[in-house]
């Protein structure tokens, strides 16, 4: 299965003013909700979609794979994440 990672030049940080995760990228800032920040923290280039869903299932009742895939695909279209190639 596909593993994801942040693209070069993109950083995930915690913004203490907003008390939220944010993605810093060359074109701006994307403020994330708690779930989005957790997902992106797992996008390390080694963790696949199923493993991300399993990790999130420990904190949330259910994590539909299609919702997770849609979220990651949307970020990839915005060129914030990319597929990791082992």
N, C-alpha and C. Protein backbone atom coordinates (compact mmCIF):
# COMPACT_ATOMS: atom_id res chain seq x y z
N UNK A 1 0.83 -1.18 0.00
CA UNK A 1 0.00 0.00 0.00
C UNK A 1 0.88 1.25 0.00
N UNK A 2 0.31 2.35 -0.38
CA UNK A 2 1.05 3.61 -0.51
C UNK A 2 1.37 4.22 0.84
N UNK A 3 2.58 4.70 0.96
CA UNK A 3 3.00 5.48 2.11
C UNK A 3 3.16 6.93 1.66
N UNK A 4 2.91 7.84 2.56
CA UNK A 4 2.97 9.27 2.25
C UNK A 4 4.01 9.96 3.12
N UNK A 5 4.48 11.11 2.63
CA UNK A 5 5.38 11.96 3.40
C UNK A 5 5.14 13.41 2.99
N UNK A 6 5.56 14.31 3.85
CA UNK A 6 5.47 15.73 3.52
C UNK A 6 6.44 16.02 2.39
N UNK A 7 6.05 16.90 1.49
CA UNK A 7 6.95 17.29 0.40
C UNK A 7 8.07 18.15 0.96
N UNK A 8 9.20 18.18 0.27
CA UNK A 8 10.28 19.08 0.69
C UNK A 8 9.76 20.51 0.79
N UNK A 9 10.14 21.20 1.83
CA UNK A 9 9.71 22.58 2.03
C UNK A 9 8.42 22.71 2.83
N UNK A 10 7.80 21.58 3.18
CA UNK A 10 6.56 21.59 3.96
C UNK A 10 6.88 21.06 5.36
N UNK A 11 6.40 21.79 6.36
CA UNK A 11 6.65 21.37 7.74
C UNK A 11 5.35 21.35 8.52
N UNK A 12 5.21 20.34 9.37
CA UNK A 12 4.07 20.25 10.29
C UNK A 12 4.55 20.75 11.64
N UNK A 13 3.88 21.78 12.16
CA UNK A 13 4.24 22.30 13.47
C UNK A 13 2.98 22.51 14.30
N UNK A 14 3.17 22.75 15.59
CA UNK A 14 2.05 23.11 16.46
C UNK A 14 2.11 24.61 16.68
N UNK A 15 1.03 25.30 16.35
CA UNK A 15 0.92 26.74 16.56
C UNK A 15 0.30 26.95 17.93
N UNK A 16 1.10 27.45 18.86
CA UNK A 16 0.62 27.61 20.23
C UNK A 16 -0.42 28.73 20.35
N UNK A 17 -0.40 29.70 19.46
CA UNK A 17 -1.39 30.78 19.50
C UNK A 17 -2.77 30.22 19.16
N UNK A 18 -2.84 29.41 18.12
CA UNK A 18 -4.12 28.81 17.70
C UNK A 18 -4.39 27.49 18.41
N UNK A 19 -3.39 26.96 19.10
CA UNK A 19 -3.46 25.64 19.72
C UNK A 19 -3.93 24.61 18.69
N UNK A 20 -3.24 24.63 17.55
CA UNK A 20 -3.60 23.74 16.44
C UNK A 20 -2.36 23.37 15.65
N UNK A 21 -2.45 22.24 14.96
CA UNK A 21 -1.40 21.86 14.03
C UNK A 21 -1.54 22.70 12.77
N UNK A 22 -0.41 23.06 12.20
CA UNK A 22 -0.43 23.80 10.94
C UNK A 22 0.64 23.23 10.02
N UNK A 23 0.35 23.31 8.74
CA UNK A 23 1.34 22.96 7.73
C UNK A 23 1.89 24.26 7.18
N UNK A 24 3.18 24.43 7.33
CA UNK A 24 3.86 25.57 6.73
C UNK A 24 4.38 25.11 5.37
N UNK A 25 4.10 25.89 4.33
CA UNK A 25 4.56 25.53 2.99
C UNK A 25 4.91 26.80 2.25
N UNK A 26 5.61 26.68 1.14
CA UNK A 26 6.09 27.88 0.43
C UNK A 26 4.99 28.87 0.05
N UNK A 27 3.77 28.39 -0.16
CA UNK A 27 2.70 29.28 -0.58
C UNK A 27 1.83 29.78 0.57
N UNK A 28 2.12 29.33 1.80
CA UNK A 28 1.31 29.80 2.92
C UNK A 28 1.26 28.85 4.08
N UNK A 29 0.12 28.88 4.76
CA UNK A 29 -0.10 28.09 5.96
C UNK A 29 -1.46 27.42 5.85
N UNK A 30 -1.53 26.16 6.23
CA UNK A 30 -2.80 25.44 6.28
C UNK A 30 -3.04 25.07 7.73
N UNK A 31 -4.11 25.59 8.31
CA UNK A 31 -4.46 25.27 9.69
C UNK A 31 -5.25 23.97 9.69
N UNK A 32 -4.84 23.04 10.55
CA UNK A 32 -5.42 21.70 10.59
C UNK A 32 -6.29 21.52 11.83
N UNK A 33 -7.28 20.66 11.71
CA UNK A 33 -7.97 20.25 12.92
C UNK A 33 -7.15 19.15 13.59
N UNK A 34 -7.58 18.70 14.73
CA UNK A 34 -6.81 17.70 15.50
C UNK A 34 -6.59 16.42 14.70
N UNK A 35 -7.63 15.96 14.04
CA UNK A 35 -7.53 14.72 13.27
C UNK A 35 -6.55 14.87 12.11
N UNK A 36 -6.64 15.97 11.39
CA UNK A 36 -5.73 16.21 10.27
C UNK A 36 -4.29 16.26 10.72
N UNK A 37 -4.03 16.90 11.85
CA UNK A 37 -2.67 16.97 12.38
C UNK A 37 -2.16 15.58 12.76
N UNK A 38 -3.04 14.77 13.35
CA UNK A 38 -2.63 13.39 13.71
C UNK A 38 -2.30 12.58 12.47
N UNK A 39 -3.12 12.73 11.44
CA UNK A 39 -2.86 12.00 10.19
C UNK A 39 -1.51 12.40 9.62
N UNK A 40 -1.26 13.68 9.52
CA UNK A 40 -0.02 14.15 8.91
C UNK A 40 1.21 13.82 9.75
N UNK A 41 1.05 13.73 11.05
CA UNK A 41 2.17 13.32 11.90
C UNK A 41 2.59 11.89 11.58
N UNK A 42 1.66 11.11 11.05
CA UNK A 42 1.96 9.71 10.69
C UNK A 42 2.45 9.56 9.25
N UNK A 43 2.44 10.63 8.50
CA UNK A 43 2.92 10.60 7.11
C UNK A 43 4.44 10.75 7.12
N UNK A 44 5.10 9.68 7.50
CA UNK A 44 6.56 9.68 7.68
C UNK A 44 7.30 8.98 6.56
N UNK A 45 6.58 8.55 5.54
CA UNK A 45 7.20 7.85 4.42
C UNK A 45 7.29 6.35 4.63
N UNK A 46 6.95 5.89 5.83
CA UNK A 46 7.03 4.45 6.13
C UNK A 46 5.71 3.86 6.58
N UNK A 47 4.74 4.69 6.91
CA UNK A 47 3.47 4.22 7.46
C UNK A 47 2.42 4.27 6.36
N UNK A 48 1.82 3.12 6.06
CA UNK A 48 0.84 3.08 4.98
C UNK A 48 -0.55 3.46 5.47
N UNK A 49 -1.48 3.55 4.55
CA UNK A 49 -2.85 3.99 4.82
C UNK A 49 -3.51 3.15 5.91
N UNK A 50 -3.39 1.85 5.84
CA UNK A 50 -4.02 0.96 6.82
C UNK A 50 -3.42 1.17 8.20
N UNK A 51 -2.11 1.34 8.28
CA UNK A 51 -1.45 1.57 9.57
C UNK A 51 -1.86 2.92 10.15
N UNK A 52 -2.03 3.93 9.29
CA UNK A 52 -2.50 5.24 9.77
C UNK A 52 -3.91 5.09 10.33
N UNK A 53 -4.77 4.40 9.61
CA UNK A 53 -6.15 4.19 10.08
C UNK A 53 -6.15 3.42 11.40
N UNK A 54 -5.30 2.40 11.52
CA UNK A 54 -5.23 1.64 12.77
C UNK A 54 -4.80 2.52 13.93
N UNK A 55 -3.80 3.37 13.70
CA UNK A 55 -3.33 4.27 14.76
C UNK A 55 -4.43 5.25 15.16
N UNK A 56 -5.16 5.77 14.20
CA UNK A 56 -6.24 6.71 14.51
C UNK A 56 -7.40 6.02 15.20
N UNK A 57 -7.61 4.75 14.92
CA UNK A 57 -8.71 4.01 15.54
C UNK A 57 -8.54 3.88 17.05
N UNK A 58 -7.33 4.07 17.53
CA UNK A 58 -7.10 4.04 18.98
C UNK A 58 -7.66 5.29 19.65
N UNK A 59 -7.77 6.37 18.89
CA UNK A 59 -8.26 7.63 19.45
C UNK A 59 -9.72 7.92 19.05
N UNK A 60 -10.15 7.36 17.92
CA UNK A 60 -11.48 7.64 17.39
C UNK A 60 -12.21 6.32 17.19
N UNK A 61 -13.55 6.39 17.18
CA UNK A 61 -14.36 5.17 17.05
C UNK A 61 -14.12 4.44 15.74
N UNK A 62 -14.21 5.14 14.66
CA UNK A 62 -14.05 4.50 13.35
C UNK A 62 -13.37 5.48 12.40
N UNK A 63 -12.50 4.93 11.59
CA UNK A 63 -11.80 5.75 10.60
C UNK A 63 -12.00 5.10 9.23
N UNK A 64 -12.99 5.59 8.47
CA UNK A 64 -13.22 5.01 7.15
C UNK A 64 -12.01 5.24 6.24
N UNK A 65 -11.52 4.17 5.64
CA UNK A 65 -10.36 4.28 4.76
C UNK A 65 -10.60 5.23 3.60
N UNK A 66 -11.82 5.24 3.06
CA UNK A 66 -12.08 6.13 1.92
C UNK A 66 -11.99 7.60 2.33
N UNK A 67 -12.40 7.94 3.55
CA UNK A 67 -12.27 9.33 4.02
C UNK A 67 -10.79 9.71 4.19
N UNK A 68 -10.04 8.78 4.75
CA UNK A 68 -8.61 9.01 4.94
C UNK A 68 -7.91 9.16 3.59
N UNK A 69 -8.24 8.28 2.66
CA UNK A 69 -7.65 8.34 1.32
C UNK A 69 -8.02 9.65 0.62
N UNK A 70 -9.28 10.07 0.75
CA UNK A 70 -9.72 11.33 0.13
C UNK A 70 -8.95 12.52 0.70
N UNK A 71 -8.74 12.53 2.02
CA UNK A 71 -7.99 13.61 2.67
C UNK A 71 -6.56 13.67 2.14
N UNK A 72 -5.90 12.54 2.10
CA UNK A 72 -4.51 12.49 1.63
C UNK A 72 -4.41 12.84 0.15
N UNK A 73 -5.35 12.35 -0.64
CA UNK A 73 -5.36 12.69 -2.07
C UNK A 73 -5.54 14.19 -2.28
N UNK A 74 -6.40 14.83 -1.47
CA UNK A 74 -6.61 16.27 -1.60
C UNK A 74 -5.33 17.04 -1.26
N UNK A 75 -4.62 16.60 -0.23
CA UNK A 75 -3.35 17.25 0.11
C UNK A 75 -2.29 17.02 -0.96
N UNK A 76 -2.32 15.85 -1.57
CA UNK A 76 -1.37 15.57 -2.66
C UNK A 76 -1.66 16.46 -3.87
N UNK A 77 -2.94 16.67 -4.16
CA UNK A 77 -3.29 17.56 -5.28
C UNK A 77 -2.83 18.99 -5.02
N UNK A 78 -2.78 19.38 -3.75
CA UNK A 78 -2.29 20.72 -3.38
C UNK A 78 -0.77 20.75 -3.27
N UNK A 79 -0.15 19.60 -3.53
CA UNK A 79 1.32 19.45 -3.52
C UNK A 79 1.92 19.71 -2.14
N UNK A 80 1.19 19.25 -1.10
CA UNK A 80 1.68 19.36 0.27
C UNK A 80 2.29 18.06 0.77
N UNK A 81 1.82 16.95 0.21
CA UNK A 81 2.39 15.64 0.53
C UNK A 81 2.67 14.92 -0.78
N UNK A 82 3.45 13.85 -0.67
CA UNK A 82 3.77 13.06 -1.86
C UNK A 82 3.88 11.60 -1.46
N UNK A 83 3.76 10.75 -2.44
CA UNK A 83 3.95 9.32 -2.20
C UNK A 83 5.42 9.07 -1.91
N UNK A 84 5.66 8.23 -0.94
CA UNK A 84 7.04 7.86 -0.61
C UNK A 84 7.40 6.61 -1.41
N UNK A 85 8.55 6.61 -1.95
CA UNK A 85 9.01 5.47 -2.74
C UNK A 85 10.16 4.82 -1.99
N UNK A 86 9.92 3.60 -1.51
CA UNK A 86 10.99 2.90 -0.75
C UNK A 86 12.20 2.58 -1.58
